[in-house]
C-alpha atoms as a PDB file:
ATOM      1  CA  MET A   1     -19.850  -1.282   8.107  1.00  0.00           C
ATOM      2  CA  GLN A   2     -17.273  -0.512   5.487  1.00  0.00           C
ATOM      3  CA  GLU A   3     -18.075  -1.154   1.814  1.00  0.00           C
ATOM      4  CA  ALA A   4     -15.741  -3.245  -0.303  1.00  0.00           C
ATOM      5  CA  TRP A   5     -15.952  -3.683  -4.047  1.00  0.00           C
ATOM      6  CA  ILE A   6     -14.326  -6.546  -5.902  1.00  0.00           C
ATOM      7  CA  GLN A   7     -13.758  -7.291  -9.562  1.00  0.00           C
ATOM      8  CA  LEU A   8     -15.409 -10.306 -11.115  1.00  0.00           C
ATOM      9  CA  GLN A   9     -14.638 -11.984 -14.424  1.00  0.00           C
ATOM     10  CA  CYS A  10     -16.559 -14.847 -15.975  1.00  0.00           C
ATOM     11  CA  PRO A  11     -14.219 -17.762 -16.711  1.00  0.00           C
ATOM     12  CA  GLU A  12     -16.422 -18.709 -19.689  1.00  0.00           C
ATOM     13  CA  CYS A  13     -17.241 -15.489 -21.605  1.00  0.00           C
ATOM     14  CA  GLU A  14     -14.674 -13.231 -19.862  1.00  0.00           C
ATOM     15  CA  ALA A  15     -17.253 -10.525 -19.060  1.00  0.00           C
ATOM     16  CA  ASN A  16     -15.981  -8.130 -16.358  1.00  0.00           C
ATOM     17  CA  TRP A  17     -17.909  -6.259 -13.676  1.00  0.00           C
ATOM     18  CA  GLU A  18     -17.644  -5.061 -10.085  1.00  0.00           C
ATOM     19  CA  ALA A  19     -19.777  -6.101  -7.139  1.00  0.00           C
ATOM     20  CA  ASN A  20     -20.188  -5.012  -3.545  1.00  0.00           C
ATOM     21  CA  VAL A  21     -18.987  -7.821  -1.272  1.00  0.00           C
ATOM     22  CA  ALA A  22     -22.028  -7.300   0.953  1.00  0.00           C
ATOM     23  CA  ASP A  23     -24.243  -8.374  -1.969  1.00  0.00           C
ATOM     24  CA  LEU A  24     -22.388 -11.665  -2.541  1.00  0.00           C
ATOM     25  CA  SER A  25     -22.571 -15.085  -0.911  1.00  0.00           C
ATOM     26  CA  ALA A  26     -19.796 -17.336   0.401  1.00  0.00           C
ATOM     27  CA  PRO A  27     -16.920 -18.233  -1.969  1.00  0.00           C
ATOM     28  CA  ASP A  28     -18.169 -21.833  -2.322  1.00  0.00           C
ATOM     29  CA  SER A  29     -21.737 -20.864  -3.230  1.00  0.00           C
ATOM     30  CA  THR A  30     -23.023 -21.261  -6.786  1.00  0.00           C
ATOM     31  CA  PHE A  31     -22.896 -18.066  -8.831  1.00  0.00           C
ATOM     32  CA  SER A  32     -24.178 -17.293 -12.343  1.00  0.00           C
ATOM     33  CA  CYS A  33     -22.614 -14.943 -14.890  1.00  0.00           C
ATOM     34  CA  LYS A  34     -24.928 -12.023 -15.588  1.00  0.00           C
ATOM     35  CA  ASP A  35     -24.035 -12.146 -19.309  1.00  0.00           C
ATOM     36  CA  CYS A  36     -23.821 -15.800 -20.376  1.00  0.00           C
ATOM     37  CA  GLY A  37     -25.505 -17.622 -17.469  1.00  0.00           C
ATOM     38  CA  GLN A  38     -22.497 -19.875 -16.767  1.00  0.00           C
ATOM     39  CA  GLU A  39     -22.742 -21.332 -13.228  1.00  0.00           C
ATOM     40  CA  ARG A  40     -19.684 -22.053 -11.101  1.00  0.00           C
ATOM     41  CA  ARG A  41     -18.447 -21.507  -7.569  1.00  0.00           C
ATOM     42  CA  LEU A  42     -18.331 -17.779  -6.777  1.00  0.00           C
ATOM     43  CA  ALA A  43     -14.590 -18.063  -6.033  1.00  0.00           C
ATOM     44  CA  GLU A  44     -13.982 -18.953  -9.692  1.00  0.00           C
ATOM     45  CA  PHE A  45     -15.322 -15.547 -10.778  1.00  0.00           C
ATOM     46  CA  MET A  46     -12.728 -13.548  -8.822  1.00  0.00           C
ATOM     47  CA  LYS A  47     -10.553 -11.560 -11.204  1.00  0.00           C
ATOM     48  CA  THR A  48      -7.534 -11.518  -8.874  1.00  0.00           C
ATOM     49  CA  ALA A  49      -6.277 -13.387  -5.833  1.00  0.00           C
ATOM     50  CA  ARG A  50      -6.734 -10.174  -3.836  1.00  0.00           C
ATOM     51  CA  ASP A  51     -10.433 -10.087  -4.774  1.00  0.00           C
ATOM     52  CA  LEU A  52     -10.790 -13.608  -3.386  1.00  0.00           C
ATOM     53  CA  GLU A  53      -9.023 -12.599  -0.164  1.00  0.00           C
ATOM     54  CA  VAL A  54     -11.424  -9.694   0.315  1.00  0.00           C
ATOM     55  CA  LEU A  55     -14.438 -11.931  -0.327  1.00  0.00           C
ATOM     56  CA  GLU A  56     -13.184 -14.488   2.208  1.00  0.00           C
ATOM     57  CA  GLN A  57     -12.706 -11.748   4.838  1.00  0.00           C
ATOM     58  CA  PHE A  58     -16.357 -10.742   4.538  1.00  0.00           C
ATOM     59  CA  ALA A  59     -17.812 -14.270   4.284  1.00  0.00           C
END
């Protein structure tokens, strides 16, 4: 299986980080910011539209 990394950005505190898609859940699942604890749908943490497309391909 090929690895894919995507960029995440918290919509609340604007913290940035990368994650391996294999370690993430579906785009509609609840996700928490590792810095501020803000909870939203995982799709809302995607930094770019392309990151969301990659996530959806692996979901």
